[in-house]
Amino acid sequence: MCQIITTSELQHRTDHELSALFRQVSQELTRSEPGSEKRRTAQASLENISRTMAARRSLRFKPPGC
């Protein structure tokens, strides 16, 4: 991975695609050197993927009575 995966790039991905991408980027993170550009890119991408997944979960959750 050469560049950060942005939230706008993730908007149209399915939940399954997001999960697969999260696993792939996580593996890249574990193979990267501490402090490297590759590691920072993977960390930023993982944060964006996590936020997108969390936002979708929160949209699905509706408290009783709503």
C-alpha atoms as a PDB file:
ATOM      1  CA  MET A   1       0.000   0.000   0.000  1.00  0.00           C
ATOM      2  CA  CYS A   2       1.493   3.305  -1.077  1.00  0.00           C
ATOM      3  CA  GLN A   3      -1.104   5.806   0.054  1.00  0.00           C
ATOM      4  CA  ILE A   4      -3.675   6.236   2.773  1.00  0.00           C
ATOM      5  CA  ILE A   5      -7.091   4.733   2.126  1.00  0.00           C
ATOM      6  CA  THR A   6      -9.511   7.611   2.633  1.00  0.00           C
ATOM      7  CA  THR A   7     -13.007   7.501   4.071  1.00  0.00           C
ATOM      8  CA  SER A   8     -14.416   8.627   0.738  1.00  0.00           C
ATOM      9  CA  GLU A   9     -12.818   5.593  -0.908  1.00  0.00           C
ATOM     10  CA  LEU A  10     -14.428   3.354   1.703  1.00  0.00           C
ATOM     11  CA  GLN A  11     -17.991   4.695   1.473  1.00  0.00           C
ATOM     12  CA  HIS A  12     -19.075   2.404  -1.329  1.00  0.00           C
ATOM     13  CA  ARG A  13     -17.414  -0.759  -0.027  1.00  0.00           C
ATOM     14  CA  THR A  14     -19.540  -3.548   1.417  1.00  0.00           C
ATOM     15  CA  ASP A  15     -19.145  -4.642   5.026  1.00  0.00           C
ATOM     16  CA  HIS A  16     -17.446  -7.801   3.799  1.00  0.00           C
ATOM     17  CA  GLU A  17     -15.008  -5.775   1.692  1.00  0.00           C
ATOM     18  CA  LEU A  18     -14.232  -3.503   4.641  1.00  0.00           C
ATOM     19  CA  SER A  19     -13.495  -6.502   6.867  1.00  0.00           C
ATOM     20  CA  ALA A  20     -11.230  -8.056   4.254  1.00  0.00           C
ATOM     21  CA  LEU A  21      -9.440  -4.759   3.705  1.00  0.00           C
ATOM     22  CA  PHE A  22      -8.983  -4.325   7.460  1.00  0.00           C
ATOM     23  CA  ARG A  23      -7.327  -7.759   7.663  1.00  0.00           C
ATOM     24  CA  GLN A  24      -5.097  -7.029   4.672  1.00  0.00           C
ATOM     25  CA  VAL A  25      -3.918  -3.666   6.002  1.00  0.00           C
ATOM     26  CA  SER A  26      -3.417  -5.167   9.482  1.00  0.00           C
ATOM     27  CA  GLN A  27      -1.086  -7.755   7.975  1.00  0.00           C
ATOM     28  CA  GLU A  28       0.815  -5.029   6.149  1.00  0.00           C
ATOM     29  CA  LEU A  29       1.159  -3.167   9.431  1.00  0.00           C
ATOM     30  CA  THR A  30       2.711  -6.180  11.155  1.00  0.00           C
ATOM     31  CA  ARG A  31       5.244  -6.540   8.340  1.00  0.00           C
ATOM     32  CA  SER A  32       6.257  -2.882   8.401  1.00  0.00           C
ATOM     33  CA  GLU A  33       9.238  -1.425  10.225  1.00  0.00           C
ATOM     34  CA  PRO A  34       8.538   0.703  13.311  1.00  0.00           C
ATOM     35  CA  GLY A  35       8.546   4.394  12.430  1.00  0.00           C
ATOM     36  CA  SER A  36       8.448   3.766   8.680  1.00  0.00           C
ATOM     37  CA  GLU A  37       6.243   5.599   6.192  1.00  0.00           C
ATOM     38  CA  LYS A  38       4.598   2.268   5.332  1.00  0.00           C
ATOM     39  CA  ARG A  39       3.632   1.808   9.000  1.00  0.00           C
ATOM     40  CA  ARG A  40       2.194   5.328   9.305  1.00  0.00           C
ATOM     41  CA  THR A  41       0.191   4.818   6.116  1.00  0.00           C
ATOM     42  CA  ALA A  42      -1.172   1.483   7.348  1.00  0.00           C
ATOM     43  CA  GLN A  43      -2.095   2.972  10.730  1.00  0.00           C
ATOM     44  CA  ALA A  44      -3.942   5.882   9.134  1.00  0.00           C
ATOM     45  CA  SER A  45      -5.752   3.555   6.745  1.00  0.00           C
ATOM     46  CA  LEU A  46      -6.760   1.224   9.588  1.00  0.00           C
ATOM     47  CA  GLU A  47      -8.133   4.170  11.515  1.00  0.00           C
ATOM     48  CA  ASN A  48     -10.226   5.226   8.506  1.00  0.00           C
ATOM     49  CA  ILE A  49     -11.498   1.682   7.964  1.00  0.00           C
ATOM     50  CA  SER A  50     -12.371   1.346  11.661  1.00  0.00           C
ATOM     51  CA  ARG A  51     -14.229   4.655  11.672  1.00  0.00           C
ATOM     52  CA  THR A  52     -16.214   3.686   8.594  1.00  0.00           C
ATOM     53  CA  MET A  53     -17.173   0.332  10.110  1.00  0.00           C
ATOM     54  CA  ALA A  54     -18.140   1.967  13.437  1.00  0.00           C
ATOM     55  CA  ALA A  55     -20.235   4.604  11.685  1.00  0.00           C
ATOM     56  CA  ARG A  56     -22.170   1.915   9.848  1.00  0.00           C
ATOM     57  CA  ARG A  57     -22.766  -0.045  13.048  1.00  0.00           C
ATOM     58  CA  SER A  58     -24.059   3.063  14.808  1.00  0.00           C
ATOM     59  CA  LEU A  59     -26.462   3.773  11.948  1.00  0.00           C
ATOM     60  CA  ARG A  60     -27.899   0.261  12.232  1.00  0.00           C
ATOM     61  CA  PHE A  61     -28.415   0.499  15.994  1.00  0.00           C
ATOM     62  CA  LYS A  62     -31.686   2.071  16.951  1.00  0.00           C
ATOM     63  CA  PRO A  63     -32.655   2.212  20.617  1.00  0.00           C
ATOM     64  CA  PRO A  64     -36.056   0.755  21.526  1.00  0.00           C
ATOM     65  CA  GLY A  65     -38.866   3.193  20.925  1.00  0.00           C
ATOM     66  CA  CYS A  66     -37.195   5.121  18.112  1.00  0.00           C
END
